[in-house]
């Protein structure tokens, strides 16, 4: 659509260099702190949190760090409890088949798996429970369990406190960039759909661009925005976090998240129409197919108008009158197609586009 400027997914080299430097510093500082403290001669667990916790969203480190610390504590406790009742592995059991060592390993494995899945967080099991349990089991040395707890805590604290202070990103700018990326990819997807429909038939199952991750981008961007907004109520630890986001960014992110659902429904219905004739049977040949192709061909202008409407609404600084004009044109095409092709199957196919128009209308009514 006009005005669409896709934002590249890969960060620029300067941003990648900053991320690498941040990770190196957050891994080196706890390493030398633990060496100075004397927890062990090779405090690898102190450096691991920087690798496993730091992400592009450094402000999410507290949550990730807490999950990791809890997983370490539970994993260490489970292995310590099991090895209190069952014999730990020895040098002889490693080089020979030992029934006792096998029993203790299976017990640790079972307890670690149970703890991992009982501590389900964020839609995924806490893998750190099983990892810590197996590491403690494999290194059954006096004092190692306590040393791992201390080193993990030092590494996590360093990442949480120091990571956001090293070249902190602007979360609002990142959210705006993600929205721009979504607009560009959505433009490519709907452009391909409109082109194939204009050629006289539905896109095949392999004809649409890959869109599995596309529909998740607005929801992920909105979640990052909301986390940043909650941080503005806290002390200003994050030096580059602005006090206020760009005007209208939250509303545009919410519109993107809502229309992602409706447009995903539309593209999935297209895939279904490509596979069947709407009644659960494979498409037939002859006059009926020609009629269906006519309805789909005439749907192409509606798809293009809807894509333009969404693109204009999601663009920063877009004129409200321009969005309303695009929306009126899309609604007029929707009514014309409904009058020309009133069958139930065509109505189901149009439903995703109609709901998209309703979402844009609600977005306009909420704007001052």
Protein backbone atom coordinates (compact mmCIF):
# COMPACT_ATOMS: atom_id res chain seq x y z
CA UNK A 1 0.00 0.00 0.00
CA UNK A 2 1.23 3.59 -0.52
CA UNK A 3 3.28 4.87 2.38
CA UNK A 4 4.18 1.42 3.65
CA UNK A 5 7.81 1.24 4.74
CA UNK A 6 8.68 -2.26 5.97
CA UNK A 7 11.09 -2.35 8.89
CA UNK A 8 13.78 -5.05 8.62
CA UNK A 9 13.55 -7.86 11.14
CA UNK A 10 17.30 -8.12 11.70
CA UNK A 11 18.72 -5.41 13.98
CA UNK A 12 21.43 -3.18 12.50
CA UNK A 13 25.09 -4.07 13.15
CA UNK A 14 25.42 -1.35 15.78
CA UNK A 15 22.52 -2.76 17.79
CA UNK A 16 23.91 -6.30 17.49
CA UNK A 17 27.30 -5.08 18.73
CA UNK A 18 25.65 -3.45 21.73
CA UNK A 19 23.73 -6.65 22.53
CA UNK A 20 26.92 -8.72 22.31
CA UNK A 21 28.82 -6.29 24.52
CA UNK A 22 25.99 -6.20 27.05
CA UNK A 23 25.99 -10.00 27.21
CA UNK A 24 29.77 -10.18 27.61
CA UNK A 25 29.80 -7.65 30.45
CA UNK A 26 26.88 -9.30 32.26
CA UNK A 27 28.65 -12.68 32.00
CA UNK A 28 32.11 -11.45 33.03
CA UNK A 29 31.08 -9.38 36.07
CA UNK A 30 29.41 -12.23 38.04
CA UNK A 31 32.21 -14.61 37.01
CA UNK A 32 34.87 -12.42 38.65
CA UNK A 33 32.63 -11.62 41.62
CA UNK A 34 32.28 -15.33 42.36
CA UNK A 35 36.02 -15.87 41.89
CA UNK A 36 36.68 -13.07 44.37
CA UNK A 37 34.10 -14.52 46.75
CA UNK A 38 35.62 -17.97 46.39
CA UNK A 39 32.48 -19.96 45.59
CA UNK A 40 34.44 -22.16 43.15
CA UNK A 41 37.39 -22.00 40.81
CA UNK A 42 35.19 -22.22 37.68
CA UNK A 43 31.88 -20.40 38.42
CA UNK A 44 30.15 -21.23 35.14
CA UNK A 45 26.62 -20.98 36.65
CA UNK A 46 27.32 -17.30 37.38
CA UNK A 47 27.93 -16.55 33.68
CA UNK A 48 25.04 -18.62 32.29
CA UNK A 49 22.19 -16.22 33.23
CA UNK A 50 23.56 -13.61 30.85
CA UNK A 51 23.30 -16.11 28.00
CA UNK A 52 19.93 -17.55 28.99
CA UNK A 53 18.10 -14.48 30.31
CA UNK A 54 19.18 -11.50 28.23
CA UNK A 55 16.99 -10.96 25.18
CA UNK A 56 16.21 -8.00 22.93
CA UNK A 57 13.71 -6.91 25.58
CA UNK A 58 16.21 -6.44 28.42
CA UNK A 59 13.43 -5.09 30.64
CA UNK A 60 11.94 -8.57 30.75
CA UNK A 61 15.07 -9.82 32.56
CA UNK A 62 13.51 -9.64 36.09
CA UNK A 63 10.74 -12.06 35.16
CA UNK A 64 13.08 -14.43 33.33
CA UNK A 65 15.61 -14.20 36.14
CA UNK A 66 13.02 -15.04 38.78
CA UNK A 67 11.82 -18.05 36.81
CA UNK A 68 15.38 -19.29 36.42
CA UNK A 69 16.24 -18.79 40.09
CA UNK A 70 13.14 -20.65 41.22
CA UNK A 71 13.96 -23.46 38.79
CA UNK A 72 17.51 -23.72 40.14
CA UNK A 73 16.31 -23.84 43.75
CA UNK A 74 13.70 -26.51 43.02
CA UNK A 75 16.10 -28.60 40.93
CA UNK A 76 18.81 -28.49 43.59
CA UNK A 77 16.33 -29.34 46.32
CA UNK A 78 14.92 -32.31 44.38
CA UNK A 79 18.34 -33.84 43.68
CA UNK A 80 19.52 -33.24 47.24
CA UNK A 81 16.42 -34.98 48.55
CA UNK A 82 16.79 -37.96 46.19
CA UNK A 83 20.51 -38.42 46.90
CA UNK A 84 19.80 -38.33 50.62
CA UNK A 85 17.91 -41.62 50.27
CA UNK A 86 19.59 -43.18 47.24
CA UNK A 87 23.34 -43.58 46.65
CA UNK A 88 24.93 -40.87 44.46
CA UNK A 89 26.96 -41.80 41.38
CA UNK A 90 30.57 -42.75 42.02
CA UNK A 91 33.62 -43.23 39.81
CA UNK A 92 33.07 -46.98 39.80
CA UNK A 93 29.41 -46.63 38.85
CA UNK A 94 30.36 -44.43 35.91
CA UNK A 95 32.73 -47.04 34.44
CA UNK A 96 30.51 -50.03 35.15
CA UNK A 97 26.86 -50.94 35.13
CA UNK A 98 25.51 -50.01 38.55
CA UNK A 99 21.91 -50.79 39.40
CA UNK A 100 21.96 -48.38 42.35
CA UNK A 101 23.25 -45.52 40.19
CA UNK A 102 20.63 -46.27 37.55
CA UNK A 103 17.86 -46.21 40.15
CA UNK A 104 19.06 -42.88 41.57
CA UNK A 105 19.34 -41.39 38.08
CA UNK A 106 15.81 -42.49 37.15
CA UNK A 107 14.50 -41.03 40.42
CA UNK A 108 16.22 -37.69 39.76
CA UNK A 109 14.97 -37.70 36.16
CA UNK A 110 11.38 -38.44 37.21
CA UNK A 111 11.37 -35.80 39.95
CA UNK A 112 12.99 -33.24 37.65
CA UNK A 113 10.44 -33.82 34.89
CA UNK A 114 7.57 -33.62 37.37
CA UNK A 115 8.89 -30.37 38.84
CA UNK A 116 9.52 -28.92 35.39
CA UNK A 117 5.94 -29.44 34.24
CA UNK A 118 4.36 -28.56 37.58
CA UNK A 119 6.07 -25.16 37.34
CA UNK A 120 4.52 -24.31 33.98
CA UNK A 121 5.05 -20.60 33.34
CA UNK A 122 4.32 -18.50 30.26
CA UNK A 123 3.04 -21.45 28.24
CA UNK A 124 6.21 -23.53 28.67
CA UNK A 125 7.68 -25.80 31.37
CA UNK A 126 10.49 -24.48 33.56
CA UNK A 127 13.35 -26.45 32.02
CA UNK A 128 15.81 -25.09 34.57
CA UNK A 129 14.37 -27.50 37.16
CA UNK A 130 15.48 -30.58 35.24
CA UNK A 131 18.75 -29.00 34.10
CA UNK A 132 19.77 -28.12 37.66
CA UNK A 133 18.68 -31.50 38.98
CA UNK A 134 20.81 -33.39 36.45
CA UNK A 135 23.83 -31.11 36.90
CA UNK A 136 23.77 -31.54 40.67
CA UNK A 137 23.38 -35.30 40.23
CA UNK A 138 26.34 -35.49 37.85
CA UNK A 139 28.49 -33.34 40.21
CA UNK A 140 27.68 -34.92 43.53
CA UNK A 141 30.50 -33.17 45.41
CA UNK A 142 30.25 -31.75 48.92
CA UNK A 143 29.23 -28.10 48.82
CA UNK A 144 28.58 -27.98 45.07
CA UNK A 145 24.80 -27.60 45.45
CA UNK A 146 25.19 -24.52 47.65
CA UNK A 147 27.86 -23.09 45.35
CA UNK A 148 25.55 -23.44 42.33
CA UNK A 149 22.74 -21.68 44.17
CA UNK A 150 25.01 -18.79 45.14
CA UNK A 151 26.58 -18.46 41.71
CA UNK A 152 23.21 -18.58 39.95
CA UNK A 153 21.84 -15.91 42.29
CA UNK A 154 24.86 -13.64 41.69
CA UNK A 155 24.57 -14.07 37.91
CA UNK A 156 20.83 -13.38 37.89
CA UNK A 157 21.17 -10.32 40.13
CA UNK A 158 23.88 -8.91 37.88
CA UNK A 159 21.81 -9.39 34.74
CA UNK A 160 18.68 -7.87 36.31
CA UNK A 161 20.44 -4.83 37.78
CA UNK A 162 23.18 -4.17 35.23
CA UNK A 163 21.67 -5.35 31.93
CA UNK A 164 19.03 -2.59 31.53
CA UNK A 165 21.63 0.10 32.29
CA UNK A 166 23.95 -0.88 29.41
CA UNK A 167 22.70 0.87 26.26
CA UNK A 168 19.04 0.38 27.21
CA UNK A 169 16.72 0.23 24.20
CA UNK A 170 13.66 2.40 23.83
CA UNK A 171 10.71 -0.03 24.20
CA UNK A 172 8.27 2.38 22.61
CA UNK A 173 10.51 2.81 19.60
CA UNK A 174 10.85 -0.96 19.34
CA UNK A 175 7.07 -1.36 19.48
CA UNK A 176 6.66 1.24 16.73
CA UNK A 177 9.30 -0.52 14.61
CA UNK A 178 7.52 -3.86 15.12
CA UNK A 179 4.25 -2.28 14.04
CA UNK A 180 5.95 -0.99 10.90
CA UNK A 181 7.28 -4.47 10.18
CA UNK A 182 3.80 -5.92 10.60
CA UNK A 183 2.34 -3.34 8.21
CA UNK A 184 4.90 -4.19 5.57
CA UNK A 185 4.39 -7.95 5.86
CA UNK A 186 0.61 -7.59 5.94
CA UNK A 187 0.78 -5.49 2.80
CA UNK A 188 2.74 -8.26 1.07
CA UNK A 189 0.33 -10.97 2.20
CA UNK A 190 -2.88 -9.17 1.22
CA UNK A 191 -1.27 -7.97 -2.00
CA UNK A 192 -0.54 -11.57 -2.96
CA UNK A 193 -4.08 -12.59 -2.05
CA UNK A 194 -5.62 -9.77 -4.10
CA UNK A 195 -3.42 -10.58 -7.10
CA UNK A 196 -4.33 -14.26 -7.09
CA UNK A 197 -8.03 -13.53 -6.65
CA UNK A 198 -7.88 -11.05 -9.51
CA UNK A 199 -6.51 -13.82 -11.72
CA UNK A 200 -9.78 -15.69 -11.32
CA UNK A 201 -9.46 -18.16 -8.49
CA UNK A 202 -8.63 -18.65 -4.83
CA UNK A 203 -5.01 -18.97 -3.77
CA UNK A 204 -3.93 -22.55 -3.32
CA UNK A 205 -2.78 -23.82 0.04
CA UNK A 206 0.82 -23.22 -1.05
CA UNK A 207 0.05 -19.92 -2.76
CA UNK A 208 -0.06 -17.67 0.30
CA UNK A 209 3.14 -16.35 1.84
CA UNK A 210 4.22 -17.82 5.14
CA UNK A 211 2.14 -16.05 7.77
CA UNK A 212 2.46 -18.19 10.90
CA UNK A 213 4.53 -15.57 12.72
CA UNK A 214 2.86 -12.59 11.10
CA UNK A 215 -0.30 -12.76 13.19
CA UNK A 216 1.69 -12.96 16.45
CA UNK A 217 3.63 -9.74 15.88
CA UNK A 218 0.90 -7.28 16.94
CA UNK A 219 0.13 -9.22 20.12
CA UNK A 220 3.81 -9.45 21.03
CA UNK A 221 4.32 -5.75 20.31
CA UNK A 222 1.31 -4.82 22.43
CA UNK A 223 2.58 -6.97 25.31
CA UNK A 224 5.99 -5.24 25.16
CA UNK A 225 4.28 -1.85 25.08
CA UNK A 226 2.19 -2.67 28.15
CA UNK A 227 5.27 -3.85 30.05
CA UNK A 228 6.99 -0.57 29.21
CA UNK A 229 3.94 1.42 30.30
CA UNK A 230 3.90 -0.34 33.67
CA UNK A 231 7.57 0.56 34.19
CA UNK A 232 6.86 4.28 33.95
CA UNK A 233 5.25 4.00 37.40
CA UNK A 234 8.51 2.70 38.89
CA UNK A 235 11.71 4.60 39.77
CA UNK A 236 13.58 5.76 36.65
CA UNK A 237 16.15 2.97 36.60
CA UNK A 238 15.97 2.60 32.86
CA UNK A 239 17.61 5.78 31.67
CA UNK A 240 16.40 5.86 28.07
CA UNK A 241 12.82 4.81 28.70
CA UNK A 242 10.67 7.83 27.74
CA UNK A 243 8.04 9.07 30.12
CA UNK A 244 5.38 9.11 27.42
CA UNK A 245 4.95 6.98 24.30
CA UNK A 246 4.30 8.46 20.85
CA UNK A 247 0.76 9.71 20.42
CA UNK A 248 -1.65 7.04 19.25
CA UNK A 249 0.84 4.17 19.39
CA UNK A 250 -1.16 2.14 21.91
CA UNK A 251 -4.39 2.54 19.93
CA UNK A 252 -2.68 1.48 16.69
CA UNK A 253 -1.12 -1.55 18.39
CA UNK A 254 -4.52 -2.60 19.73
CA UNK A 255 -6.06 -2.16 16.29
CA UNK A 256 -3.28 -4.27 14.77
CA UNK A 257 -3.83 -7.01 17.35
CA UNK A 258 -7.59 -7.03 16.74
CA UNK A 259 -7.43 -6.98 12.94
CA UNK A 260 -4.75 -9.68 12.97
CA UNK A 261 -7.43 -12.07 14.27
CA UNK A 262 -10.01 -11.10 11.67
CA UNK A 263 -7.59 -11.13 8.74
CA UNK A 264 -6.14 -14.45 9.85
CA UNK A 265 -9.68 -15.84 9.80
CA UNK A 266 -10.11 -14.51 6.25
CA UNK A 267 -6.88 -16.07 4.94
CA UNK A 268 -7.66 -19.38 6.62
CA UNK A 269 -11.10 -19.38 5.04
CA UNK A 270 -9.43 -18.77 1.67
CA UNK A 271 -7.25 -21.80 2.23
CA UNK A 272 -10.32 -23.84 3.05
CA UNK A 273 -12.08 -22.62 -0.09
CA UNK A 274 -9.02 -23.64 -2.09
CA UNK A 275 -9.26 -27.14 -0.62
CA UNK A 276 -13.04 -27.66 -0.78
CA UNK A 277 -16.08 -26.11 -2.38
CA UNK A 278 -17.45 -24.92 0.95
CA UNK A 279 -19.45 -28.08 1.59
CA UNK A 280 -16.56 -30.28 2.72
CA UNK A 281 -16.06 -31.83 -0.73
CA UNK A 282 -13.20 -31.22 -3.17
CA UNK A 283 -13.89 -28.50 -5.76
CA UNK A 284 -15.87 -29.63 -8.76
CA UNK A 285 -15.40 -28.64 -12.38
CA UNK A 286 -17.95 -27.10 -14.70
CA UNK A 287 -20.44 -24.28 -14.42
CA UNK A 288 -20.53 -24.16 -10.58
CA UNK A 289 -16.76 -23.70 -10.44
CA UNK A 290 -16.95 -20.86 -12.96
CA UNK A 291 -19.58 -19.09 -10.84
CA UNK A 292 -17.48 -19.48 -7.71
CA UNK A 293 -14.43 -18.16 -9.54
CA UNK A 294 -16.46 -15.11 -10.59
CA UNK A 295 -17.39 -14.37 -6.99
CA UNK A 296 -13.79 -14.77 -5.88
CA UNK A 297 -12.46 -12.63 -8.74
CA UNK A 298 -14.84 -9.85 -7.77
CA UNK A 299 -13.62 -10.13 -4.19
CA UNK A 300 -10.15 -8.83 -5.21
CA UNK A 301 -11.08 -5.09 -5.13
CA UNK A 302 -12.58 -5.59 -1.66
CA UNK A 303 -9.37 -7.21 -0.43
CA UNK A 304 -7.27 -4.37 -1.82
CA UNK A 305 -9.54 -1.73 -0.32
CA UNK A 306 -9.48 -3.44 3.06
CA UNK A 307 -5.69 -3.70 2.94
CA UNK A 308 -5.42 0.00 2.14
CA UNK A 309 -7.80 0.88 4.98
CA UNK A 310 -5.85 -1.12 7.55
CA UNK A 311 -2.52 0.20 6.29
CA UNK A 312 -3.69 3.81 6.53
CA UNK A 313 -5.15 3.28 10.00
CA UNK A 314 -1.96 1.67 11.32
CA UNK A 315 0.33 4.37 9.90
CA UNK A 316 1.63 6.88 12.41
CA UNK A 317 0.27 10.38 11.89
CA UNK A 318 -2.45 9.18 9.52
CA UNK A 319 -5.23 11.66 8.83
CA UNK A 320 -8.54 10.56 10.34
CA UNK A 321 -10.42 11.76 7.26
CA UNK A 322 -8.21 9.64 5.00
CA UNK A 323 -8.87 6.54 7.10
CA UNK A 324 -12.61 7.23 7.09
CA UNK A 325 -12.61 7.67 3.30
CA UNK A 326 -10.78 4.37 2.76
CA UNK A 327 -13.15 2.65 5.17
CA UNK A 328 -16.24 4.00 3.37
CA UNK A 329 -14.91 2.71 0.04
CA UNK A 330 -14.18 -0.72 1.52
CA UNK A 331 -17.65 -0.91 3.07
CA UNK A 332 -19.26 0.08 -0.23
CA UNK A 333 -17.40 -2.72 -2.02
CA UNK A 334 -18.47 -5.12 0.75
CA UNK A 335 -22.14 -4.19 0.24
CA UNK A 336 -21.82 -4.50 -3.53
CA UNK A 337 -20.25 -7.93 -3.31
CA UNK A 338 -22.88 -9.03 -0.80
CA UNK A 339 -25.67 -7.95 -3.15
CA UNK A 340 -24.07 -9.66 -6.15
CA UNK A 341 -23.17 -12.89 -4.34
CA UNK A 342 -25.55 -13.47 -1.40
CA UNK A 343 -24.81 -17.18 -0.87
CA UNK A 344 -23.91 -18.47 2.55
CA UNK A 345 -20.42 -19.58 1.54
CA UNK A 346 -19.53 -16.16 0.16
CA UNK A 347 -20.87 -14.54 3.34
CA UNK A 348 -18.59 -16.72 5.44
CA UNK A 349 -15.64 -15.75 3.26
CA UNK A 350 -16.44 -12.04 3.61
CA UNK A 351 -16.91 -12.26 7.38
CA UNK A 352 -13.22 -11.73 8.16
CA UNK A 353 -13.11 -8.59 6.00
CA UNK A 354 -16.38 -7.29 7.45
CA UNK A 355 -15.08 -7.72 11.00
CA UNK A 356 -11.91 -5.91 9.99
CA UNK A 357 -14.01 -2.95 8.84
CA UNK A 358 -15.84 -2.96 12.18
CA UNK A 359 -12.52 -2.92 14.06
CA UNK A 360 -11.31 0.08 12.05
CA UNK A 361 -14.63 1.86 12.63
CA UNK A 362 -14.34 1.32 16.39
CA UNK A 363 -10.77 2.62 16.21
CA UNK A 364 -11.97 5.80 14.50
CA UNK A 365 -14.81 6.34 16.94
CA UNK A 366 -12.38 6.11 19.87
CA UNK A 367 -10.05 8.76 18.40
CA UNK A 368 -10.68 12.39 19.36
